Amino acid sequence: MGTKTSDQLPDVTYWLVLQLANNEQVIDLNSAYKGSTELDVLYQILTSKATLYWWKNYNIELSLVTVNNAFFRAIAILHDRNIEFDRTRKGAATEWVKELLHL
């Protein structure tokens, strides 16, 4: 029963991004990114799920540092993705698509 640290970080981060993105409930990433009760609840639930998932499927006990870093990286990735999406959606490069679709 070994504790893994940084070598699992990208995989755990990716897994958490998928969990957040596939969530049925809408997550306000702006408020979560700034810190909120929603963030605290998400943190508790998803870090527990990630730890259990890695233990059951890979027999790896993730360190608290790895799970913590992965969670906040996942939030930052999705937050940055939403900012970039909003920026490109409102950009001049997409105006021709809006005109084509009559939006």
PDB file of N, CA and C in Angstrom:
ATOM      1  N   MET A   1       0.845  -1.163   0.000  1.00  0.00           N
ATOM      2  CA  MET A   1       0.000   0.000   0.000  1.00  0.00           C
ATOM      3  C   MET A   1       0.895   1.231   0.000  1.00  0.00           C
ATOM      4  N   GLY A   2       1.278   1.680  -1.186  1.00  0.00           N
ATOM      5  CA  GLY A   2       2.165   2.823  -1.291  1.00  0.00           C
ATOM      6  C   GLY A   2       1.417   4.102  -1.586  1.00  0.00           C
ATOM      7  N   THR A   3       1.940   5.173  -1.091  1.00  0.00           N
ATOM      8  CA  THR A   3       1.368   6.485  -1.365  1.00  0.00           C
ATOM      9  C   THR A   3       2.060   7.074  -2.582  1.00  0.00           C
ATOM     10  N   LYS A   4       1.273   7.514  -3.534  1.00  0.00           N
ATOM     11  CA  LYS A   4       1.806   8.118  -4.754  1.00  0.00           C
ATOM     12  C   LYS A   4       1.595   9.619  -4.682  1.00  0.00           C
ATOM     13  N   THR A   5       2.516  10.350  -5.278  1.00  0.00           N
ATOM     14  CA  THR A   5       2.359  11.811  -5.251  1.00  0.00           C
ATOM     15  C   THR A   5       2.261  12.363  -6.654  1.00  0.00           C
ATOM     16  N   SER A   6       3.294  13.027  -7.118  1.00  0.00           N
ATOM     17  CA  SER A   6       3.214  13.801  -8.347  1.00  0.00           C
ATOM     18  C   SER A   6       3.037  12.960  -9.605  1.00  0.00           C
ATOM     19  N   ASP A   7       3.421  11.681  -9.595  1.00  0.00           N
ATOM     20  CA  ASP A   7       3.290  10.897 -10.814  1.00  0.00           C
ATOM     21  C   ASP A   7       1.826  10.625 -11.172  1.00  0.00           C
ATOM     22  N   GLN A   8       0.926  10.753 -10.229  1.00  0.00           N
ATOM     23  CA  GLN A   8      -0.500  10.558 -10.487  1.00  0.00           C
ATOM     24  C   GLN A   8      -1.246  11.873 -10.713  1.00  0.00           C
ATOM     25  N   LEU A   9      -0.587  12.985 -10.495  1.00  0.00           N
ATOM     26  CA  LEU A   9      -1.257  14.283 -10.548  1.00  0.00           C
ATOM     27  C   LEU A   9      -1.979  14.556 -11.871  1.00  0.00           C
ATOM     28  N   PRO A  10      -1.359  14.350 -13.032  1.00  0.00           N
ATOM     29  CA  PRO A  10      -2.094  14.626 -14.281  1.00  0.00           C
ATOM     30  C   PRO A  10      -3.319  13.728 -14.457  1.00  0.00           C
ATOM     31  N   ASP A  11      -3.196  12.469 -14.073  1.00  0.00           N
ATOM     32  CA  ASP A  11      -4.324  11.548 -14.223  1.00  0.00           C
ATOM     33  C   ASP A  11      -5.465  11.896 -13.282  1.00  0.00           C
ATOM     34  N   VAL A  12      -5.139  12.222 -12.060  1.00  0.00           N
ATOM     35  CA  VAL A  12      -6.170  12.593 -11.087  1.00  0.00           C
ATOM     36  C   VAL A  12      -6.820  13.911 -11.507  1.00  0.00           C
ATOM     37  N   THR A  13      -6.027  14.846 -11.982  1.00  0.00           N
ATOM     38  CA  THR A  13      -6.567  16.122 -12.449  1.00  0.00           C
ATOM     39  C   THR A  13      -7.540  15.893 -13.599  1.00  0.00           C
ATOM     40  N   TYR A  14      -7.148  15.084 -14.568  1.00  0.00           N
ATOM     41  CA  TYR A  14      -8.011  14.795 -15.714  1.00  0.00           C
ATOM     42  C   TYR A  14      -9.307  14.130 -15.259  1.00  0.00           C
ATOM     43  N   TRP A  15      -9.199  13.179 -14.351  1.00  0.00           N
ATOM     44  CA  TRP A  15     -10.379  12.485 -13.835  1.00  0.00           C
ATOM     45  C   TRP A  15     -11.323  13.476 -13.158  1.00  0.00           C
ATOM     46  N   LEU A  16     -10.768  14.382 -12.373  1.00  0.00           N
ATOM     47  CA  LEU A  16     -11.593  15.380 -11.697  1.00  0.00           C
ATOM     48  C   LEU A  16     -12.227  16.366 -12.678  1.00  0.00           C
ATOM     49  N   VAL A  17     -11.502  16.746 -13.716  1.00  0.00           N
ATOM     50  CA  VAL A  17     -12.081  17.619 -14.753  1.00  0.00           C
ATOM     51  C   VAL A  17     -13.286  16.944 -15.380  1.00  0.00           C
ATOM     52  N   LEU A  18     -13.149  15.659 -15.686  1.00  0.00           N
ATOM     53  CA  LEU A  18     -14.280  14.927 -16.266  1.00  0.00           C
ATOM     54  C   LEU A  18     -15.458  14.862 -15.308  1.00  0.00           C
ATOM     55  N   GLN A  19     -15.184  14.639 -14.032  1.00  0.00           N
ATOM     56  CA  GLN A  19     -16.254  14.586 -13.036  1.00  0.00           C
ATOM     57  C   GLN A  19     -16.979  15.925 -12.943  1.00  0.00           C
ATOM     58  N   LEU A  20     -16.232  16.995 -12.935  1.00  0.00           N
ATOM     59  CA  LEU A  20     -16.837  18.331 -12.859  1.00  0.00           C
ATOM     60  C   LEU A  20     -17.607  18.663 -14.130  1.00  0.00           C
ATOM     61  N   ALA A  21     -17.047  18.330 -15.270  1.00  0.00           N
ATOM     62  CA  ALA A  21     -17.684  18.660 -16.544  1.00  0.00           C
ATOM     63  C   ALA A  21     -18.937  17.821 -16.791  1.00  0.00           C
ATOM     64  N   ASN A  22     -18.964  16.610 -16.282  1.00  0.00           N
ATOM     65  CA  ASN A  22     -20.104  15.722 -16.500  1.00  0.00           C
ATOM     66  C   ASN A  22     -21.155  15.826 -15.416  1.00  0.00           C
ATOM     67  N   ASN A  23     -20.984  16.750 -14.509  1.00  0.00           N
ATOM     68  CA  ASN A  23     -21.934  16.922 -13.415  1.00  0.00           C
ATOM     69  C   ASN A  23     -23.264  17.390 -13.977  1.00  0.00           C
ATOM     70  N   GLU A  24     -24.354  16.769 -13.523  1.00  0.00           N
ATOM     71  CA  GLU A  24     -25.683  17.132 -14.005  1.00  0.00           C
ATOM     72  C   GLU A  24     -26.103  18.520 -13.535  1.00  0.00           C
ATOM     73  N   GLN A  25     -25.634  18.913 -12.371  1.00  0.00           N
ATOM     74  CA  GLN A  25     -25.984  20.221 -11.843  1.00  0.00           C
ATOM     75  C   GLN A  25     -25.022  21.262 -12.407  1.00  0.00           C
ATOM     76  N   VAL A  26     -25.543  22.445 -12.624  1.00  0.00           N
ATOM     77  CA  VAL A  26     -24.724  23.525 -13.151  1.00  0.00           C
ATOM     78  C   VAL A  26     -23.824  24.037 -12.027  1.00  0.00           C
ATOM     79  N   ILE A  27     -22.548  24.111 -12.309  1.00  0.00           N
ATOM     80  CA  ILE A  27     -21.578  24.595 -11.341  1.00  0.00           C
ATOM     81  C   ILE A  27     -21.151  25.993 -11.766  1.00  0.00           C
ATOM     82  N   ASP A  28     -21.323  26.947 -10.883  1.00  0.00           N
ATOM     83  CA  ASP A  28     -20.885  28.309 -11.161  1.00  0.00           C
ATOM     84  C   ASP A  28     -19.378  28.372 -10.915  1.00  0.00           C
ATOM     85  N   LEU A  29     -18.607  28.204 -11.986  1.00  0.00           N
ATOM     86  CA  LEU A  29     -17.159  28.150 -11.850  1.00  0.00           C
ATOM     87  C   LEU A  29     -16.561  29.476 -11.418  1.00  0.00           C
ATOM     88  N   ASN A  30     -17.223  30.585 -11.743  1.00  0.00           N
ATOM     89  CA  ASN A  30     -16.699  31.887 -11.305  1.00  0.00           C
ATOM     90  C   ASN A  30     -16.717  31.996  -9.786  1.00  0.00           C
ATOM     91  N   SER A  31     -17.842  31.616  -9.171  1.00  0.00           N
ATOM     92  CA  SER A  31     -17.897  31.701  -7.712  1.00  0.00           C
ATOM     93  C   SER A  31     -17.054  30.602  -7.074  1.00  0.00           C
ATOM     94  N   ALA A  32     -17.014  29.434  -7.687  1.00  0.00           N
ATOM     95  CA  ALA A  32     -16.188  28.349  -7.147  1.00  0.00           C
ATOM     96  C   ALA A  32     -14.717  28.713  -7.221  1.00  0.00           C
ATOM     97  N   TYR A  33     -14.323  29.354  -8.297  1.00  0.00           N
ATOM     98  CA  TYR A  33     -12.919  29.736  -8.466  1.00  0.00           C
ATOM     99  C   TYR A  33     -12.502  30.763  -7.413  1.00  0.00           C
ATOM    100  N   LYS A  34     -13.425  31.618  -7.020  1.00  0.00           N
ATOM    101  CA  LYS A  34     -13.129  32.636  -6.012  1.00  0.00           C
ATOM    102  C   LYS A  34     -13.254  32.090  -4.592  1.00  0.00           C
ATOM    103  N   GLY A  35     -13.881  30.944  -4.439  1.00  0.00           N
ATOM    104  CA  GLY A  35     -14.084  30.356  -3.127  1.00  0.00           C
ATOM    105  C   GLY A  35     -15.528  30.527  -2.691  1.00  0.00           C
ATOM    106  N   SER A  36     -16.165  29.437  -2.317  1.00  0.00           N
ATOM    107  CA  SER A  36     -17.561  29.490  -1.913  1.00  0.00           C
ATOM    108  C   SER A  36     -17.900  28.209  -1.160  1.00  0.00           C
ATOM    109  N   THR A  37     -19.102  28.183  -0.620  1.00  0.00           N
ATOM    110  CA  THR A  37     -19.579  26.965   0.033  1.00  0.00           C
ATOM    111  C   THR A  37     -19.689  25.849  -0.994  1.00  0.00           C
ATOM    112  N   GLU A  38     -20.116  26.200  -2.202  1.00  0.00           N
ATOM    113  CA  GLU A  38     -20.205  25.220  -3.276  1.00  0.00           C
ATOM    114  C   GLU A  38     -18.845  24.573  -3.527  1.00  0.00           C
ATOM    115  N   LEU A  39     -17.805  25.370  -3.493  1.00  0.00           N
ATOM    116  CA  LEU A  39     -16.459  24.857  -3.684  1.00  0.00           C
ATOM    117  C   LEU A  39     -16.080  23.896  -2.560  1.00  0.00           C
ATOM    118  N   ASP A  40     -16.426  24.246  -1.333  1.00  0.00           N
ATOM    119  CA  ASP A  40     -16.122  23.375  -0.200  1.00  0.00           C
ATOM    120  C   ASP A  40     -16.812  22.025  -0.315  1.00  0.00           C
ATOM    121  N   VAL A  41     -18.072  22.049  -0.715  1.00  0.00           N
ATOM    122  CA  VAL A  41     -18.829  20.796  -0.879  1.00  0.00           C
ATOM    123  C   VAL A  41     -18.248  19.972  -2.016  1.00  0.00           C
ATOM    124  N   LEU A  42     -17.989  20.628  -3.145  1.00  0.00           N
ATOM    125  CA  LEU A  42     -17.380  19.919  -4.270  1.00  0.00           C
ATOM    126  C   LEU A  42     -16.046  19.299  -3.879  1.00  0.00           C
ATOM    127  N   TYR A  43     -15.255  20.050  -3.150  1.00  0.00           N
ATOM    128  CA  TYR A  43     -13.948  19.568  -2.714  1.00  0.00           C
ATOM    129  C   TYR A  43     -14.093  18.294  -1.883  1.00  0.00           C
ATOM    130  N   GLN A  44     -14.971  18.330  -0.904  1.00  0.00           N
ATOM    131  CA  GLN A  44     -15.144  17.175  -0.022  1.00  0.00           C
ATOM    132  C   GLN A  44     -15.632  15.952  -0.791  1.00  0.00           C
ATOM    133  N   ILE A  45     -16.612  16.143  -1.636  1.00  0.00           N
ATOM    134  CA  ILE A  45     -17.193  15.018  -2.369  1.00  0.00           C
ATOM    135  C   ILE A  45     -16.220  14.452  -3.395  1.00  0.00           C
ATOM    136  N   LEU A  46     -15.676  15.327  -4.234  1.00  0.00           N
ATOM    137  CA  LEU A  46     -14.844  14.836  -5.332  1.00  0.00           C
ATOM    138  C   LEU A  46     -13.479  14.330  -4.898  1.00  0.00           C
ATOM    139  N   THR A  47     -12.892  14.929  -3.884  1.00  0.00           N
ATOM    140  CA  THR A  47     -11.601  14.401  -3.428  1.00  0.00           C
ATOM    141  C   THR A  47     -11.781  13.039  -2.763  1.00  0.00           C
ATOM    142  N   SER A  48     -12.896  12.859  -2.072  1.00  0.00           N
ATOM    143  CA  SER A  48     -13.189  11.548  -1.482  1.00  0.00           C
ATOM    144  C   SER A  48     -13.429  10.504  -2.574  1.00  0.00           C
ATOM    145  N   LYS A  49     -14.200  10.896  -3.590  1.00  0.00           N
ATOM    146  CA  LYS A  49     -14.472   9.980  -4.700  1.00  0.00           C
ATOM    147  C   LYS A  49     -13.183   9.608  -5.439  1.00  0.00           C
ATOM    148  N   ALA A  50     -12.321  10.599  -5.654  1.00  0.00           N
ATOM    149  CA  ALA A  50     -11.062  10.334  -6.362  1.00  0.00           C
ATOM    150  C   ALA A  50     -10.180   9.380  -5.566  1.00  0.00           C
ATOM    151  N   THR A  51     -10.075   9.626  -4.265  1.00  0.00           N
ATOM    152  CA  THR A  51      -9.259   8.770  -3.415  1.00  0.00           C
ATOM    153  C   THR A  51      -9.784   7.342  -3.435  1.00  0.00           C
ATOM    154  N   LEU A  52     -11.081   7.190  -3.303  1.00  0.00           N
ATOM    155  CA  LEU A  52     -11.699   5.862  -3.322  1.00  0.00           C
ATOM    156  C   LEU A  52     -11.539   5.193  -4.682  1.00  0.00           C
ATOM    157  N   TYR A  53     -11.728   5.956  -5.757  1.00  0.00           N
ATOM    158  CA  TYR A  53     -11.593   5.423  -7.109  1.00  0.00           C
ATOM    159  C   TYR A  53     -10.189   4.873  -7.344  1.00  0.00           C
ATOM    160  N   TRP A  54      -9.170   5.648  -6.974  1.00  0.00           N
ATOM    161  CA  TRP A  54      -7.792   5.198  -7.193  1.00  0.00           C
ATOM    162  C   TRP A  54      -7.463   3.989  -6.315  1.00  0.00           C
ATOM    163  N   TRP A  55      -8.014   3.954  -5.129  1.00  0.00           N
ATOM    164  CA  TRP A  55      -7.748   2.826  -4.245  1.00  0.00           C
ATOM    165  C   TRP A  55      -8.392   1.555  -4.792  1.00  0.00           C
ATOM    166  N   LYS A  56      -9.677   1.641  -5.194  1.00  0.00           N
ATOM    167  CA  LYS A  56     -10.401   0.460  -5.686  1.00  0.00           C
ATOM    168  C   LYS A  56      -9.861  -0.041  -7.020  1.00  0.00           C
ATOM    169  N   ASN A  57      -9.574   0.875  -7.933  1.00  0.00           N
ATOM    170  CA  ASN A  57      -9.209   0.474  -9.292  1.00  0.00           C
ATOM    171  C   ASN A  57      -7.721   0.221  -9.494  1.00  0.00           C
ATOM    172  N   TYR A  58      -6.880   0.921  -8.766  1.00  0.00           N
ATOM    173  CA  TYR A  58      -5.440   0.811  -8.999  1.00  0.00           C
ATOM    174  C   TYR A  58      -4.659   0.394  -7.763  1.00  0.00           C
ATOM    175  N   ASN A  59      -5.353   0.241  -6.643  1.00  0.00           N
ATOM    176  CA  ASN A  59      -4.711  -0.112  -5.381  1.00  0.00           C
ATOM    177  C   ASN A  59      -3.615   0.900  -5.013  1.00  0.00           C
ATOM    178  N   ILE A  60      -3.913   2.161  -5.292  1.00  0.00           N
ATOM    179  CA  ILE A  60      -2.985   3.252  -5.006  1.00  0.00           C
ATOM    180  C   ILE A  60      -3.646   4.184  -3.998  1.00  0.00           C
ATOM    181  N   GLU A  61      -2.926   4.474  -2.935  1.00  0.00           N
ATOM    182  CA  GLU A  61      -3.398   5.438  -1.952  1.00  0.00           C
ATOM    183  C   GLU A  61      -2.818   6.801  -2.327  1.00  0.00           C
ATOM    184  N   LEU A  62      -3.687   7.672  -2.792  1.00  0.00           N
ATOM    185  CA  LEU A  62      -3.246   9.005  -3.191  1.00  0.00           C
ATOM    186  C   LEU A  62      -2.934   9.845  -1.964  1.00  0.00           C
ATOM    187  N   SER A  63      -1.917  10.660  -2.080  1.00  0.00           N
ATOM    188  CA  SER A  63      -1.599  11.568  -0.972  1.00  0.00           C
ATOM    189  C   SER A  63      -2.592  12.726  -0.982  1.00  0.00           C
ATOM    190  N   LEU A  64      -2.769  13.331   0.168  1.00  0.00           N
ATOM    191  CA  LEU A  64      -3.657  14.484   0.276  1.00  0.00           C
ATOM    192  C   LEU A  64      -3.179  15.636  -0.590  1.00  0.00           C
ATOM    193  N   VAL A  65      -1.875  15.778  -0.712  1.00  0.00           N
ATOM    194  CA  VAL A  65      -1.303  16.855  -1.541  1.00  0.00           C
ATOM    195  C   VAL A  65      -1.682  16.649  -3.004  1.00  0.00           C
ATOM    196  N   THR A  66      -1.586  15.426  -3.480  1.00  0.00           N
ATOM    197  CA  THR A  66      -1.918  15.128  -4.878  1.00  0.00           C
ATOM    198  C   THR A  66      -3.384  15.406  -5.154  1.00  0.00           C
ATOM    199  N   VAL A  67      -4.257  14.920  -4.295  1.00  0.00           N
ATOM    200  CA  VAL A  67      -5.689  15.106  -4.493  1.00  0.00           C
ATOM    201  C   VAL A  67      -6.051  16.591  -4.408  1.00  0.00           C
ATOM    202  N   ASN A  68      -5.484  17.287  -3.448  1.00  0.00           N
ATOM    203  CA  ASN A  68      -5.734  18.719  -3.288  1.00  0.00           C
ATOM    204  C   ASN A  68      -5.282  19.494  -4.522  1.00  0.00           C
ATOM    205  N   ASN A  69      -4.054  19.258  -4.965  1.00  0.00           N
ATOM    206  CA  ASN A  69      -3.536  19.953  -6.146  1.00  0.00           C
ATOM    207  C   ASN A  69      -4.356  19.625  -7.389  1.00  0.00           C
ATOM    208  N   ALA A  70      -4.723  18.364  -7.542  1.00  0.00           N
ATOM    209  CA  ALA A  70      -5.500  17.950  -8.709  1.00  0.00           C
ATOM    210  C   ALA A  70      -6.862  18.636  -8.728  1.00  0.00           C
ATOM    211  N   PHE A  71      -7.504  18.735  -7.576  1.00  0.00           N
ATOM    212  CA  PHE A  71      -8.819  19.364  -7.519  1.00  0.00           C
ATOM    213  C   PHE A  71      -8.749  20.827  -7.944  1.00  0.00           C
ATOM    214  N   PHE A  72      -7.819  21.567  -7.374  1.00  0.00           N
ATOM    215  CA  PHE A  72      -7.748  22.987  -7.698  1.00  0.00           C
ATOM    216  C   PHE A  72      -7.234  23.234  -9.112  1.00  0.00           C
ATOM    217  N   ARG A  73      -6.423  22.355  -9.626  1.00  0.00           N
ATOM    218  CA  ARG A  73      -6.027  22.458 -11.034  1.00  0.00           C
ATOM    219  C   ARG A  73      -7.219  22.199 -11.943  1.00  0.00           C
ATOM    220  N   ALA A  74      -8.056  21.231 -11.586  1.00  0.00           N
ATOM    221  CA  ALA A  74      -9.243  20.923 -12.386  1.00  0.00           C
ATOM    222  C   ALA A  74     -10.195  22.119 -12.423  1.00  0.00           C
ATOM    223  N   ILE A  75     -10.412  22.747 -11.269  1.00  0.00           N
ATOM    224  CA  ILE A  75     -11.264  23.940 -11.219  1.00  0.00           C
ATOM    225  C   ILE A  75     -10.668  25.038 -12.089  1.00  0.00           C
ATOM    226  N   ALA A  76      -9.361  25.240 -11.996  1.00  0.00           N
ATOM    227  CA  ALA A  76      -8.705  26.295 -12.777  1.00  0.00           C
ATOM    228  C   ALA A  76      -8.785  26.003 -14.274  1.00  0.00           C
ATOM    229  N   ILE A  77      -8.616  24.749 -14.661  1.00  0.00           N
ATOM    230  CA  ILE A  77      -8.700  24.373 -16.083  1.00  0.00           C
ATOM    231  C   ILE A  77     -10.079  24.692 -16.628  1.00  0.00           C
ATOM    232  N   LEU A  78     -11.120  24.278 -15.917  1.00  0.00           N
ATOM    233  CA  LEU A  78     -12.478  24.529 -16.393  1.00  0.00           C
ATOM    234  C   LEU A  78     -12.821  26.016 -16.362  1.00  0.00           C
ATOM    235  N   HIS A  79     -12.348  26.720 -15.360  1.00  0.00           N
ATOM    236  CA  HIS A  79     -12.589  28.164 -15.287  1.00  0.00           C
ATOM    237  C   HIS A  79     -11.925  28.873 -16.463  1.00  0.00           C
ATOM    238  N   ASP A  80     -10.685  28.530 -16.744  1.00  0.00           N
ATOM    239  CA  ASP A  80      -9.972  29.130 -17.877  1.00  0.00           C
ATOM    240  C   ASP A  80     -10.639  28.777 -19.204  1.00  0.00           C
ATOM    241  N   ARG A  81     -11.129  27.554 -19.303  1.00  0.00           N
ATOM    242  CA  ARG A  81     -11.812  27.132 -20.532  1.00  0.00           C
ATOM    243  C   ARG A  81     -13.065  27.962 -20.747  1.00  0.00           C
ATOM    244  N   ASN A  82     -13.814  28.214 -19.680  1.00  0.00           N
ATOM    245  CA  ASN A  82     -15.026  29.022 -19.807  1.00  0.00           C
ATOM    246  C   ASN A  82     -14.713  30.467 -20.179  1.00  0.00           C
ATOM    247  N   ILE A  83     -13.659  31.020 -19.603  1.00  0.00           N
ATOM    248  CA  ILE A  83     -13.251  32.384 -19.955  1.00  0.00           C
ATOM    249  C   ILE A  83     -12.867  32.455 -21.427  1.00  0.00           C
ATOM    250  N   GLU A  84     -12.087  31.497 -21.881  1.00  0.00           N
ATOM    251  CA  GLU A  84     -11.657  31.472 -23.286  1.00  0.00           C
ATOM    252  C   GLU A  84     -12.850  31.282 -24.215  1.00  0.00           C
ATOM    253  N   PHE A  85     -13.792  30.433 -23.835  1.00  0.00           N
ATOM    254  CA  PHE A  85     -14.987  30.215 -24.641  1.00  0.00           C
ATOM    255  C   PHE A  85     -15.783  31.505 -24.774  1.00  0.00           C
ATOM    256  N   ASP A  86     -15.993  32.203 -23.653  1.00  0.00           N
ATOM    257  CA  ASP A  86     -16.727  33.466 -23.703  1.00  0.00           C
ATOM    258  C   ASP A  86     -16.015  34.502 -24.564  1.00  0.00           C
ATOM    259  N   ARG A  87     -14.702  34.542 -24.445  1.00  0.00           N
ATOM    260  CA  ARG A  87     -13.923  35.519 -25.219  1.00  0.00           C
ATOM    261  C   ARG A  87     -14.032  35.228 -26.720  1.00  0.00           C
ATOM    262  N   THR A  88     -13.900  33.982 -27.122  1.00  0.00           N
ATOM    263  CA  THR A  88     -13.968  33.659 -28.548  1.00  0.00           C
ATOM    264  C   THR A  88     -15.384  33.746 -29.080  1.00  0.00           C
ATOM    265  N   ARG A  89     -16.353  33.465 -28.240  1.00  0.00           N
ATOM    266  CA  ARG A  89     -17.740  33.532 -28.691  1.00  0.00           C
ATOM    267  C   ARG A  89     -18.145  34.966 -29.000  1.00  0.00           C
ATOM    268  N   LYS A  90     -17.569  35.907 -28.284  1.00  0.00           N
ATOM    269  CA  LYS A  90     -17.893  37.319 -28.485  1.00  0.00           C
ATOM    270  C   LYS A  90     -16.918  37.996 -29.440  1.00  0.00           C
ATOM    271  N   GLY A  91     -15.983  37.249 -29.976  1.00  0.00           N
ATOM    272  CA  GLY A  91     -14.958  37.816 -30.833  1.00  0.00           C
ATOM    273  C   GLY A  91     -15.418  38.009 -32.264  1.00  0.00           C
ATOM    274  N   ALA A  92     -14.660  38.800 -32.983  1.00  0.00           N
ATOM    275  CA  ALA A  92     -14.980  39.095 -34.381  1.00  0.00           C
ATOM    276  C   ALA A  92     -14.832  37.862 -35.264  1.00  0.00           C
ATOM    277  N   ALA A  93     -13.989  36.934 -34.867  1.00  0.00           N
ATOM    278  CA  ALA A  93     -13.766  35.743 -35.680  1.00  0.00           C
ATOM    279  C   ALA A  93     -15.015  34.877 -35.792  1.00  0.00           C
ATOM    280  N   THR A  94     -15.936  35.011 -34.850  1.00  0.00           N
ATOM    281  CA  THR A  94     -17.150  34.197 -34.899  1.00  0.00           C
ATOM    282  C   THR A  94     -18.357  34.934 -35.469  1.00  0.00           C
ATOM    283  N   GLU A  95     -18.173  36.197 -35.848  1.00  0.00           N
ATOM    284  CA  GLU A  95     -19.287  36.977 -36.386  1.00  0.00           C
ATOM    285  C   GLU A  95     -19.864  36.354 -37.654  1.00  0.00           C
ATOM    286  N   TRP A  96     -19.017  35.819 -38.523  1.00  0.00           N
ATOM    287  CA  TRP A  96     -19.518  35.235 -39.770  1.00  0.00           C
ATOM    288  C   TRP A  96     -20.353  33.995 -39.497  1.00  0.00           C
ATOM    289  N   VAL A  97     -20.016  33.251 -38.440  1.00  0.00           N
ATOM    290  CA  VAL A  97     -20.804  32.067 -38.077  1.00  0.00           C
ATOM    291  C   VAL A  97     -22.167  32.500 -37.567  1.00  0.00           C
ATOM    292  N   LYS A  98     -22.202  33.550 -36.760  1.00  0.00           N
ATOM    293  CA  LYS A  98     -23.476  34.057 -36.256  1.00  0.00           C
ATOM    294  C   LYS A  98     -24.348  34.544 -37.402  1.00  0.00           C
ATOM    295  N   GLU A  99     -23.733  35.228 -38.358  1.00  0.00           N
ATOM    296  CA  GLU A  99     -24.493  35.698 -39.515  1.00  0.00           C
ATOM    297  C   GLU A  99     -25.017  34.525 -40.334  1.00  0.00           C
ATOM    298  N   LEU A 100     -24.199  33.505 -40.493  1.00  0.00           N
ATOM    299  CA  LEU A 100     -24.595  32.321 -41.245  1.00  0.00           C
ATOM    300  C   LEU A 100     -25.760  31.621 -40.578  1.00  0.00           C
ATOM    301  N   LEU A 101     -25.756  31.570 -39.258  1.00  0.00           N
ATOM    302  CA  LEU A 101     -26.815  30.898 -38.508  1.00  0.00           C
ATOM    303  C   LEU A 101     -27.969  31.819 -38.154  1.00  0.00           C
ATOM    304  N   HIS A 102     -27.885  33.086 -38.581  1.00  0.00           N
ATOM    305  CA  HIS A 102     -28.904  34.097 -38.309  1.00  0.00           C
ATOM    306  C   HIS A 102     -29.132  34.272 -36.811  1.00  0.00           C
ATOM    307  N   LEU A 103     -28.037  34.365 -36.053  1.00  0.00           N
ATOM    308  CA  LEU A 103     -28.150  34.576 -34.594  1.00  0.00           C
ATOM    309  C   LEU A 103     -28.006  36.025 -34.251  1.00  0.00           C
TER     310      LEU A 103
END
